[in-house]
N, C-alpha and C. Protein backbone atom coordinates (compact mmCIF):
# COMPACT_ATOMS: atom_id res chain seq x y z
N MET A 1 94.25 100.51 95.77
CA MET A 1 95.13 99.73 95.09
C MET A 1 96.12 99.21 96.26
N LYS A 2 96.98 97.43 95.98
CA LYS A 2 97.19 96.58 96.58
C LYS A 2 98.28 97.14 96.38
N LEU A 3 100.27 97.01 96.82
CA LEU A 3 101.60 96.84 96.25
C LEU A 3 101.59 95.88 97.44
N MET A 4 102.86 95.43 96.40
CA MET A 4 104.03 95.18 98.09
C MET A 4 105.12 95.80 97.69
N PHE A 5 106.05 95.56 99.14
CA PHE A 5 107.18 96.02 98.90
C PHE A 5 108.55 94.90 99.95
N ALA A 6 109.19 94.92 99.34
CA ALA A 6 110.09 93.61 99.47
C ALA A 6 111.54 94.28 99.65
N SER A 7 112.73 93.63 99.87
CA SER A 7 114.02 93.78 99.52
C SER A 7 114.91 92.97 100.32
N ASP A 8 116.22 92.91 99.43
CA ASP A 8 117.24 92.30 100.73
C ASP A 8 117.51 90.82 99.88
N ILE A 9 116.86 90.16 98.67
CA ILE A 9 117.40 89.10 97.96
C ILE A 9 118.18 88.35 98.80
N HIS A 10 119.07 89.03 97.98
CA HIS A 10 120.69 88.65 97.73
C HIS A 10 121.17 87.49 97.56
N GLY A 11 120.07 86.97 96.19
CA GLY A 11 120.28 85.35 95.42
C GLY A 11 120.27 84.42 95.95
N SER A 12 118.75 84.74 96.69
CA SER A 12 118.74 83.71 97.23
C SER A 12 117.01 83.05 96.47
N ALA A 13 117.71 82.23 95.51
CA ALA A 13 116.82 81.90 94.69
C ALA A 13 115.46 81.42 95.86
N PRO A 14 115.79 80.16 97.04
CA PRO A 14 114.36 79.75 97.28
C PRO A 14 113.50 80.54 97.79
N CYS A 15 114.22 81.63 99.20
CA CYS A 15 113.41 83.05 99.75
C CYS A 15 112.85 83.99 98.48
N LEU A 16 114.17 83.56 97.62
CA LEU A 16 112.04 84.64 96.55
C LEU A 16 111.08 83.24 95.56
N GLU A 17 111.82 82.34 95.89
CA GLU A 17 110.73 81.43 95.37
C GLU A 17 109.83 81.82 96.20
N LYS A 18 109.64 81.66 97.50
CA LYS A 18 109.12 81.77 98.45
C LYS A 18 108.08 83.49 98.32
N LEU A 19 108.90 84.84 98.48
CA LEU A 19 108.54 86.08 97.83
C LEU A 19 107.56 85.41 96.52
N PHE A 20 107.34 85.34 95.71
CA PHE A 20 106.79 85.39 94.60
C PHE A 20 105.71 83.59 94.85
N GLU A 21 105.75 82.91 96.18
CA GLU A 21 104.19 82.33 96.11
C GLU A 21 103.52 83.53 97.15
N ARG A 22 104.53 84.15 98.42
CA ARG A 22 103.44 85.33 98.65
C ARG A 22 102.63 86.39 97.60
N TYR A 23 103.24 86.82 96.70
CA TYR A 23 102.45 87.63 95.96
C TYR A 23 101.73 86.90 94.89
N GLU A 24 101.35 85.53 94.19
CA GLU A 24 99.83 85.25 93.89
C GLU A 24 99.73 85.12 94.49
N ALA A 25 99.25 84.64 96.74
CA ALA A 25 98.61 84.85 97.42
C ALA A 25 98.18 86.10 97.26
N GLU A 26 99.10 87.18 97.75
CA GLU A 26 98.54 88.12 98.08
C GLU A 26 97.94 89.59 96.75
N ALA A 27 98.56 88.90 95.68
CA ALA A 27 97.86 89.60 94.44
C ALA A 27 97.68 91.09 94.60
N PRO A 28 98.97 91.80 94.54
CA PRO A 28 98.97 92.92 94.46
C PRO A 28 99.12 93.12 93.17
N LYS A 29 99.26 94.52 92.71
CA LYS A 29 98.91 95.66 91.61
C LYS A 29 101.13 95.25 91.23
N LYS A 30 101.57 95.98 91.90
CA LYS A 30 102.74 95.41 91.34
C LYS A 30 103.53 94.76 92.64
N LEU A 31 104.71 94.25 92.46
CA LEU A 31 106.05 93.69 93.47
C LEU A 31 107.23 95.47 93.11
N ILE A 32 107.16 96.26 93.95
CA ILE A 32 108.43 96.60 94.28
C ILE A 32 109.64 96.12 95.28
N LEU A 33 110.96 96.16 94.65
CA LEU A 33 111.67 95.69 95.36
C LEU A 33 112.94 96.60 95.32
N LEU A 34 113.25 96.71 96.83
CA LEU A 34 113.57 98.49 97.37
C LEU A 34 115.20 97.38 97.31
N GLY A 35 116.01 97.33 96.33
CA GLY A 35 117.55 96.80 96.15
C GLY A 35 118.16 95.21 96.97
N ASP A 36 119.14 95.02 96.29
CA ASP A 36 119.78 94.14 97.10
C ASP A 36 119.15 92.70 96.59
N LEU A 37 118.81 92.60 94.89
CA LEU A 37 118.85 91.33 94.40
C LEU A 37 119.45 90.10 94.08
N LEU A 38 120.81 90.25 93.45
CA LEU A 38 121.01 89.31 93.67
C LEU A 38 122.38 88.92 94.53
N TYR A 39 123.13 89.83 94.59
CA TYR A 39 124.78 89.25 95.03
C TYR A 39 124.78 90.10 96.66
N HIS A 40 125.44 88.53 97.87
CA HIS A 40 124.99 88.77 99.45
C HIS A 40 125.56 89.78 100.18
N GLY A 41 126.93 90.89 98.86
CA GLY A 41 127.84 91.75 99.97
C GLY A 41 128.41 90.73 100.79
N PRO A 42 129.76 91.88 101.13
CA PRO A 42 130.61 91.15 101.73
C PRO A 42 130.45 90.60 103.60
N ARG A 43 129.67 91.50 103.51
CA ARG A 43 129.42 91.72 105.12
C ARG A 43 128.01 90.98 105.35
N ASN A 44 127.80 89.10 104.70
CA ASN A 44 126.62 88.77 105.09
C ASN A 44 127.42 87.50 104.64
N ASP A 45 126.88 86.46 105.10
CA ASP A 45 127.27 85.15 104.93
C ASP A 45 126.35 84.67 103.47
N LEU A 46 126.52 83.50 102.90
CA LEU A 46 125.59 83.32 101.75
C LEU A 46 124.72 83.11 102.34
N PRO A 47 123.22 83.05 102.23
CA PRO A 47 122.24 83.07 102.70
C PRO A 47 121.65 81.98 101.33
N GLU A 48 120.89 81.13 102.44
CA GLU A 48 119.96 79.54 101.80
C GLU A 48 120.06 79.40 100.59
N GLY A 49 120.13 79.23 99.97
CA GLY A 49 120.34 79.00 98.41
C GLY A 49 120.79 79.66 97.71
N TYR A 50 121.80 80.07 97.58
CA TYR A 50 122.81 81.34 96.97
C TYR A 50 123.02 80.93 95.96
N ALA A 51 122.25 81.65 94.90
CA ALA A 51 121.90 80.78 93.51
C ALA A 51 121.44 82.26 92.63
N PRO A 52 122.27 83.27 92.23
CA PRO A 52 121.43 85.15 91.86
C PRO A 52 121.29 84.45 90.13
N LYS A 53 121.96 83.22 89.98
CA LYS A 53 121.60 83.07 88.15
C LYS A 53 119.75 82.39 88.18
N THR A 54 120.06 81.63 88.71
CA THR A 54 118.42 80.81 88.77
C THR A 54 118.08 82.71 89.06
N VAL A 55 118.15 83.06 90.57
CA VAL A 55 117.70 84.35 90.65
C VAL A 55 117.29 85.36 89.11
N ILE A 56 118.47 85.83 88.79
CA ILE A 56 117.88 86.15 87.73
C ILE A 56 116.88 85.98 85.98
N ARG A 57 117.14 84.80 86.05
CA ARG A 57 116.13 84.36 85.23
C ARG A 57 114.61 83.91 86.06
N MET A 58 114.26 84.18 87.31
CA MET A 58 112.86 83.94 88.27
C MET A 58 112.89 85.43 87.78
N LEU A 59 112.96 86.35 88.23
CA LEU A 59 112.96 87.51 88.07
C LEU A 59 112.64 87.93 87.08
N ASN A 60 113.58 87.72 85.83
CA ASN A 60 112.85 88.09 84.72
C ASN A 60 112.01 87.94 83.97
N GLU A 61 111.41 87.14 84.18
CA GLU A 61 110.33 85.69 84.26
C GLU A 61 109.08 86.88 84.98
N HIS A 62 109.54 87.59 86.06
CA HIS A 62 108.17 88.12 86.63
C HIS A 62 108.19 90.27 86.06
N LYS A 63 109.25 90.16 84.48
CA LYS A 63 109.49 91.97 84.93
C LYS A 63 108.47 92.58 84.65
N LYS A 64 107.59 91.71 84.30
CA LYS A 64 106.43 93.28 84.74
C LYS A 64 105.46 93.07 85.25
N ALA A 65 106.03 91.85 86.74
CA ALA A 65 105.20 93.33 88.00
C ALA A 65 106.07 93.87 88.77
N LEU A 66 107.73 94.03 88.12
CA LEU A 66 108.12 94.93 88.54
C LEU A 66 108.21 96.28 89.45
N LEU A 67 108.49 97.03 90.17
CA LEU A 67 109.50 98.43 90.30
C LEU A 67 110.70 98.09 91.04
N CYS A 68 111.70 98.79 90.18
CA CYS A 68 113.00 98.46 91.35
C CYS A 68 113.75 99.40 91.90
N VAL A 69 114.38 99.61 92.46
CA VAL A 69 115.42 100.51 92.76
C VAL A 69 116.45 99.78 93.18
N ARG A 70 117.63 100.04 93.77
CA ARG A 70 119.28 100.22 93.48
C ARG A 70 119.72 99.71 94.98
N GLY A 71 119.62 98.64 95.05
CA GLY A 71 120.67 99.03 96.63
C GLY A 71 122.40 99.21 96.29
N ASN A 72 122.33 98.54 97.51
CA ASN A 72 123.87 98.24 97.94
C ASN A 72 125.19 97.88 97.52
N CYS A 73 124.29 96.95 96.88
CA CYS A 73 124.56 95.05 96.15
C CYS A 73 124.39 95.34 94.58
N GLU A 74 123.94 96.28 94.29
CA GLU A 74 123.73 96.51 92.65
C GLU A 74 124.80 96.98 92.32
N ALA A 75 125.48 96.52 90.96
CA ALA A 75 125.90 97.41 89.88
C ALA A 75 125.73 96.66 88.39
N GLU A 76 126.60 97.75 87.95
CA GLU A 76 126.21 97.66 86.43
C GLU A 76 125.45 96.49 85.74
N VAL A 77 126.68 96.10 86.35
CA VAL A 77 126.89 93.62 85.68
C VAL A 77 125.56 93.32 86.04
N ASP A 78 124.75 93.83 87.07
CA ASP A 78 123.90 93.65 87.11
C ASP A 78 122.74 93.83 86.62
N GLN A 79 122.60 94.57 85.98
CA GLN A 79 122.23 95.79 84.62
C GLN A 79 122.29 95.00 83.92
N MET A 80 122.70 94.78 83.14
CA MET A 80 123.19 93.80 82.32
C MET A 80 122.44 92.06 81.52
N VAL A 81 121.85 91.80 83.39
CA VAL A 81 121.81 90.12 83.36
C VAL A 81 120.45 90.80 83.57
N LEU A 82 120.06 92.14 83.84
CA LEU A 82 117.92 91.66 84.04
C LEU A 82 117.46 92.47 83.45
N GLU A 83 116.27 92.62 82.56
CA GLU A 83 115.18 92.69 82.08
C GLU A 83 114.55 93.87 82.31
N PHE A 84 114.86 94.17 83.32
CA PHE A 84 114.06 95.84 83.91
C PHE A 84 115.16 96.58 84.77
N PRO A 85 114.81 97.25 84.86
CA PRO A 85 115.55 98.99 85.80
C PRO A 85 115.88 98.58 86.65
N VAL A 86 117.05 98.41 87.30
CA VAL A 86 117.44 98.54 88.62
C VAL A 86 118.61 99.20 89.04
N MET A 87 118.81 100.41 88.45
CA MET A 87 119.77 101.03 89.44
C MET A 87 119.90 103.13 90.15
N ALA A 88 117.63 102.92 89.81
CA ALA A 88 117.84 104.01 90.31
C ALA A 88 118.09 104.46 92.01
N ASP A 89 118.35 105.01 91.94
CA ASP A 89 118.81 105.02 93.68
C ASP A 89 117.36 105.73 94.08
N TYR A 90 116.32 105.46 93.69
CA TYR A 90 115.03 106.36 94.75
C TYR A 90 114.25 106.04 93.30
N MET A 91 112.82 106.14 94.11
CA MET A 91 111.69 106.26 93.38
C MET A 91 110.82 106.74 94.08
N THR A 92 109.82 107.73 93.33
CA THR A 92 108.97 108.48 94.34
C THR A 92 107.57 108.31 94.23
N MET A 93 105.98 107.81 95.02
CA MET A 93 105.31 108.08 94.13
C MET A 93 104.11 108.54 94.37
N TRP A 94 103.31 108.24 94.33
CA TRP A 94 102.66 108.87 94.79
C TRP A 94 100.28 108.30 95.49
N LEU A 95 100.77 107.89 96.06
CA LEU A 95 99.21 107.08 97.21
C LEU A 95 98.11 108.53 97.13
N GLY A 96 97.02 109.12 96.58
CA GLY A 96 96.36 109.37 97.09
C GLY A 96 97.57 110.02 96.77
N ASP A 97 96.73 111.49 98.25
CA ASP A 97 97.59 113.19 98.04
C ASP A 97 98.88 113.25 98.72
N ARG A 98 99.95 112.21 99.13
CA ARG A 98 101.06 112.02 99.45
C ARG A 98 101.46 111.40 99.25
N MET A 99 103.47 111.63 98.80
CA MET A 99 103.98 110.93 98.41
C MET A 99 104.89 110.19 99.04
N VAL A 100 105.27 108.66 98.06
CA VAL A 100 105.90 107.52 98.84
C VAL A 100 107.41 108.06 98.16
N PHE A 101 108.78 108.06 99.50
CA PHE A 101 109.89 108.01 98.65
C PHE A 101 110.28 106.48 98.87
N CYS A 102 110.83 105.54 97.73
CA CYS A 102 110.82 104.94 97.51
C CYS A 102 112.78 104.03 97.44
N THR A 103 113.62 104.25 98.64
CA THR A 103 114.59 103.27 98.42
C THR A 103 115.10 102.42 99.35
N HIS A 104 116.57 102.19 99.23
CA HIS A 104 117.22 100.76 99.60
C HIS A 104 117.30 100.88 101.20
N GLY A 105 117.87 102.32 101.35
CA GLY A 105 118.12 102.98 102.47
C GLY A 105 119.65 102.85 103.73
N HIS A 106 120.73 102.73 101.90
CA HIS A 106 122.08 102.97 102.35
C HIS A 106 121.97 104.78 101.37
N LEU A 107 121.38 105.01 101.59
CA LEU A 107 121.41 106.29 100.95
C LEU A 107 120.82 107.57 101.88
N PHE A 108 119.29 107.05 102.49
CA PHE A 108 118.30 107.90 102.34
C PHE A 108 117.78 106.67 103.63
N ASP A 109 117.88 108.02 104.83
CA ASP A 109 117.92 106.52 105.91
C ASP A 109 116.76 107.69 107.52
N PRO A 110 116.37 107.44 108.34
CA PRO A 110 116.18 107.82 109.52
C PRO A 110 116.55 108.75 109.83
N ASP A 111 118.46 109.01 109.41
CA ASP A 111 119.40 109.92 109.74
C ASP A 111 119.69 110.61 108.74
N ASN A 112 119.07 110.42 108.04
CA ASN A 112 119.05 111.51 106.57
C ASN A 112 118.00 110.88 105.45
N MET A 113 117.24 112.02 106.41
CA MET A 113 116.13 111.90 104.90
C MET A 113 116.18 112.47 103.60
N PRO A 114 115.16 111.84 103.07
CA PRO A 114 114.78 113.07 101.68
C PRO A 114 114.42 113.99 102.14
N LEU A 115 114.11 114.87 101.20
CA LEU A 115 112.78 115.98 101.75
C LEU A 115 111.44 115.75 101.67
N LEU A 116 110.89 115.32 102.43
CA LEU A 116 109.00 115.61 102.73
C LEU A 116 108.77 116.12 102.82
N ASN A 117 107.25 116.00 102.51
CA ASN A 117 106.25 116.44 103.52
C ASN A 117 105.92 116.28 104.69
N TYR A 118 105.15 117.15 105.35
CA TYR A 118 104.67 116.04 106.28
C TYR A 118 103.24 115.18 105.69
N GLY A 119 103.39 114.07 106.54
CA GLY A 119 102.89 113.49 105.54
C GLY A 119 102.82 112.13 105.08
N ASP A 120 104.23 112.36 104.71
CA ASP A 120 104.79 111.12 103.78
C ASP A 120 105.75 110.53 104.30
N VAL A 121 105.61 109.20 102.98
CA VAL A 121 106.11 107.85 103.33
C VAL A 121 107.45 107.37 102.54
N VAL A 122 108.38 107.53 103.66
CA VAL A 122 109.74 106.35 103.51
C VAL A 122 109.30 104.77 103.08
N ILE A 123 110.26 104.25 102.25
CA ILE A 123 110.21 103.34 102.53
C ILE A 123 110.97 102.47 101.86
N SER A 124 111.96 101.79 102.66
CA SER A 124 113.00 101.19 102.85
C SER A 124 113.40 99.97 103.15
N GLY A 125 114.89 98.89 102.65
CA GLY A 125 115.25 97.75 102.84
C GLY A 125 116.14 98.29 103.96
N HIS A 126 117.26 97.31 103.83
CA HIS A 126 119.22 97.65 104.18
C HIS A 126 119.08 97.69 104.66
N THR A 127 118.35 97.68 106.59
CA THR A 127 118.38 96.92 107.54
C THR A 127 118.52 95.41 108.25
N HIS A 128 117.63 95.62 107.28
CA HIS A 128 116.65 94.16 107.12
C HIS A 128 116.61 93.53 108.71
N LEU A 129 115.75 95.20 108.86
CA LEU A 129 115.12 94.81 110.24
C LEU A 129 113.71 95.42 110.00
N TYR A 130 112.41 94.82 109.99
CA TYR A 130 111.41 95.70 109.25
C TYR A 130 111.29 96.28 110.78
N ARG A 131 109.88 98.08 110.41
CA ARG A 131 109.98 99.06 111.03
C ARG A 131 109.02 98.85 110.51
N ALA A 132 108.03 99.52 110.96
CA ALA A 132 106.63 100.19 110.29
C ALA A 132 105.98 101.55 111.77
N GLU A 133 106.54 102.99 111.70
CA GLU A 133 105.74 103.89 112.18
C GLU A 133 105.90 105.22 111.80
N GLU A 134 105.45 105.60 112.96
CA GLU A 134 105.13 107.22 112.25
C GLU A 134 106.35 108.00 113.52
N LYS A 135 106.93 109.11 112.59
CA LYS A 135 108.04 110.35 113.52
C LYS A 135 108.03 111.29 112.78
N ASP A 136 108.03 111.98 113.76
CA ASP A 136 107.74 113.37 113.19
C ASP A 136 107.01 113.66 112.35
N GLY A 137 106.20 113.73 112.45
CA GLY A 137 105.66 113.79 110.60
C GLY A 137 105.04 112.64 109.70
N ILE A 138 106.70 111.91 109.48
CA ILE A 138 106.60 111.68 108.69
C ILE A 138 106.50 109.74 108.84
N TYR A 139 105.93 108.86 107.92
CA TYR A 139 105.91 107.77 107.98
C TYR A 139 107.47 106.81 107.46
N ILE A 140 107.78 105.98 108.24
CA ILE A 140 108.79 105.43 108.30
C ILE A 140 108.44 103.94 108.23
N VAL A 141 108.85 102.78 106.88
CA VAL A 141 108.21 101.56 106.60
C VAL A 141 109.76 100.97 106.41
N ASN A 142 109.98 99.91 106.96
CA ASN A 142 111.09 98.24 106.72
C ASN A 142 111.18 97.69 106.52
N THR A 143 111.09 96.75 105.21
CA THR A 143 110.42 96.52 105.04
C THR A 143 111.00 94.52 105.74
N GLY A 144 112.16 95.31 106.14
CA GLY A 144 113.24 93.82 106.28
C GLY A 144 113.71 93.27 105.39
N SER A 145 114.15 91.85 105.31
CA SER A 145 114.39 91.08 104.60
C SER A 145 114.08 90.00 104.04
N VAL A 146 113.92 89.11 102.80
CA VAL A 146 112.95 87.99 102.44
C VAL A 146 114.75 86.86 102.58
N SER A 147 115.41 86.95 103.24
CA SER A 147 116.62 86.17 102.65
C SER A 147 116.72 86.80 104.26
N LEU A 148 118.06 87.37 104.46
CA LEU A 148 118.90 87.15 106.04
C LEU A 148 118.73 88.82 106.33
N PRO A 149 117.53 88.37 107.63
CA PRO A 149 117.07 88.80 108.61
C PRO A 149 118.04 89.11 109.52
N LYS A 150 117.75 89.93 110.57
CA LYS A 150 119.17 90.53 111.11
C LYS A 150 117.93 90.69 112.86
N GLY A 151 118.68 90.40 113.81
CA GLY A 151 117.76 91.15 115.08
C GLY A 151 117.27 90.04 115.96
N GLY A 152 116.96 88.71 115.49
CA GLY A 152 115.92 87.84 116.19
C GLY A 152 114.59 87.63 115.01
N ASN A 153 114.45 89.09 113.81
CA ASN A 153 113.71 88.85 113.20
C ASN A 153 113.16 87.95 112.03
N PRO A 154 111.67 87.21 111.53
CA PRO A 154 111.66 86.80 110.42
C PRO A 154 111.86 87.07 109.24
N ARG A 155 111.64 86.96 108.12
CA ARG A 155 112.31 87.32 106.84
C ARG A 155 110.42 87.51 106.67
N SER A 156 110.74 88.18 105.80
CA SER A 156 109.22 89.60 105.99
C SER A 156 109.18 90.62 104.73
N TYR A 157 107.81 90.97 104.12
CA TYR A 157 107.95 92.05 102.70
C TYR A 157 106.61 92.72 103.50
N VAL A 158 105.96 94.26 102.88
CA VAL A 158 105.07 94.79 103.38
C VAL A 158 104.50 95.09 102.70
N ILE A 159 102.63 94.85 102.57
CA ILE A 159 101.38 95.06 101.76
C ILE A 159 101.11 96.51 101.81
N TYR A 160 100.75 97.38 100.93
CA TYR A 160 100.04 98.41 101.31
C TYR A 160 99.15 98.48 100.81
N GLU A 161 97.63 98.19 101.53
CA GLU A 161 97.14 98.40 100.80
C GLU A 161 95.28 99.26 101.71
N ASP A 162 94.04 99.97 101.42
CA ASP A 162 93.50 100.50 102.56
C ASP A 162 94.23 101.64 103.30
N ASN A 163 95.47 102.70 102.54
CA ASN A 163 95.83 103.70 103.27
C ASN A 163 96.70 102.64 105.21
N LYS A 164 96.57 101.87 104.58
CA LYS A 164 98.25 100.69 105.88
C LYS A 164 99.45 99.97 105.05
N PHE A 165 100.05 100.14 105.61
CA PHE A 165 101.11 99.27 106.00
C PHE A 165 101.37 98.13 106.66
N THR A 166 101.06 96.92 105.71
CA THR A 166 101.48 95.73 106.92
C THR A 166 102.68 95.19 106.36
N VAL A 167 103.70 95.06 107.69
CA VAL A 167 104.78 94.40 107.73
C VAL A 167 104.28 92.75 107.78
N LYS A 168 104.02 91.98 106.89
CA LYS A 168 104.41 90.43 106.74
C LYS A 168 105.50 89.84 107.28
N ASP A 169 105.70 88.47 107.79
CA ASP A 169 106.28 87.48 107.70
C ASP A 169 106.06 86.49 106.26
N MET A 170 106.80 86.01 106.42
CA MET A 170 107.35 84.75 104.89
C MET A 170 105.66 83.86 104.41
N ASP A 171 105.01 83.58 105.54
CA ASP A 171 103.52 82.92 105.41
C ASP A 171 103.26 83.42 105.38
N GLY A 172 102.90 85.01 105.37
CA GLY A 172 101.44 86.21 105.48
C GLY A 172 100.85 86.45 107.13
N THR A 173 101.59 86.59 108.03
CA THR A 173 100.85 86.22 108.89
C THR A 173 101.68 87.74 109.77
N PRO A 174 100.68 88.83 109.57
CA PRO A 174 100.60 90.72 110.00
C PRO A 174 101.89 90.03 111.09
N LEU A 175 102.96 91.14 110.86
CA LEU A 175 103.64 91.41 112.39
C LEU A 175 104.09 92.75 112.91
N SER A 176 103.19 94.59 112.10
CA SER A 176 102.73 95.38 112.39
C SER A 176 102.61 95.71 111.01
N VAL A 177 101.38 96.40 111.37
CA VAL A 177 100.95 97.75 111.31
C VAL A 177 100.17 99.13 111.88
N LEU A 178 101.13 99.89 110.74
CA LEU A 178 101.43 101.19 110.15
C LEU A 178 100.27 101.91 109.59
N THR A 179 98.83 102.57 109.90
CA THR A 179 97.92 102.94 109.41
C THR A 179 98.11 104.80 109.19
N LEU A 180 98.44 105.14 108.33
CA LEU A 180 97.86 106.38 107.78
C LEU A 180 97.35 107.38 107.95
N ARG A 181 96.58 108.51 108.65
CA ARG A 181 95.76 109.59 109.01
C ARG A 181 95.94 110.60 108.03
């Protein structure tokens, strides 16, 4: 099964449009959004093309393709305008015999991990820095940011397919690959 993960849209309509272009090109089963969909937050500058009402419309048009968790910028008012659930702090899914713990990254992160077993995966956003590595038998993946990357990183998202998590830039070029053993 092919899945797409992305985070930190922060209300940028052109960045979300580019993400949906990549979604069409990649053709995954689902797009899992890991929070910070509409608001840019007080610590961030306004992203390119900041237009939360446009982002709301675009997301609602794709609601059947989406699974989402809450970021630190989501509020109850966001749930009032979005036609799909966005307020869960985390989501778990199974890929074969391993659990994948999906979260934004502000509550759970590599320094405050959820209870996982050897070989499980935690995937998040929040830091705006992409990451794909194994640490102490746990696979750690960070999507980076669709709109406001940090640390000189490009805008990015993640594809899961064939037992691999691949971080890609918004042109679809692989940046990092993590193969699950």
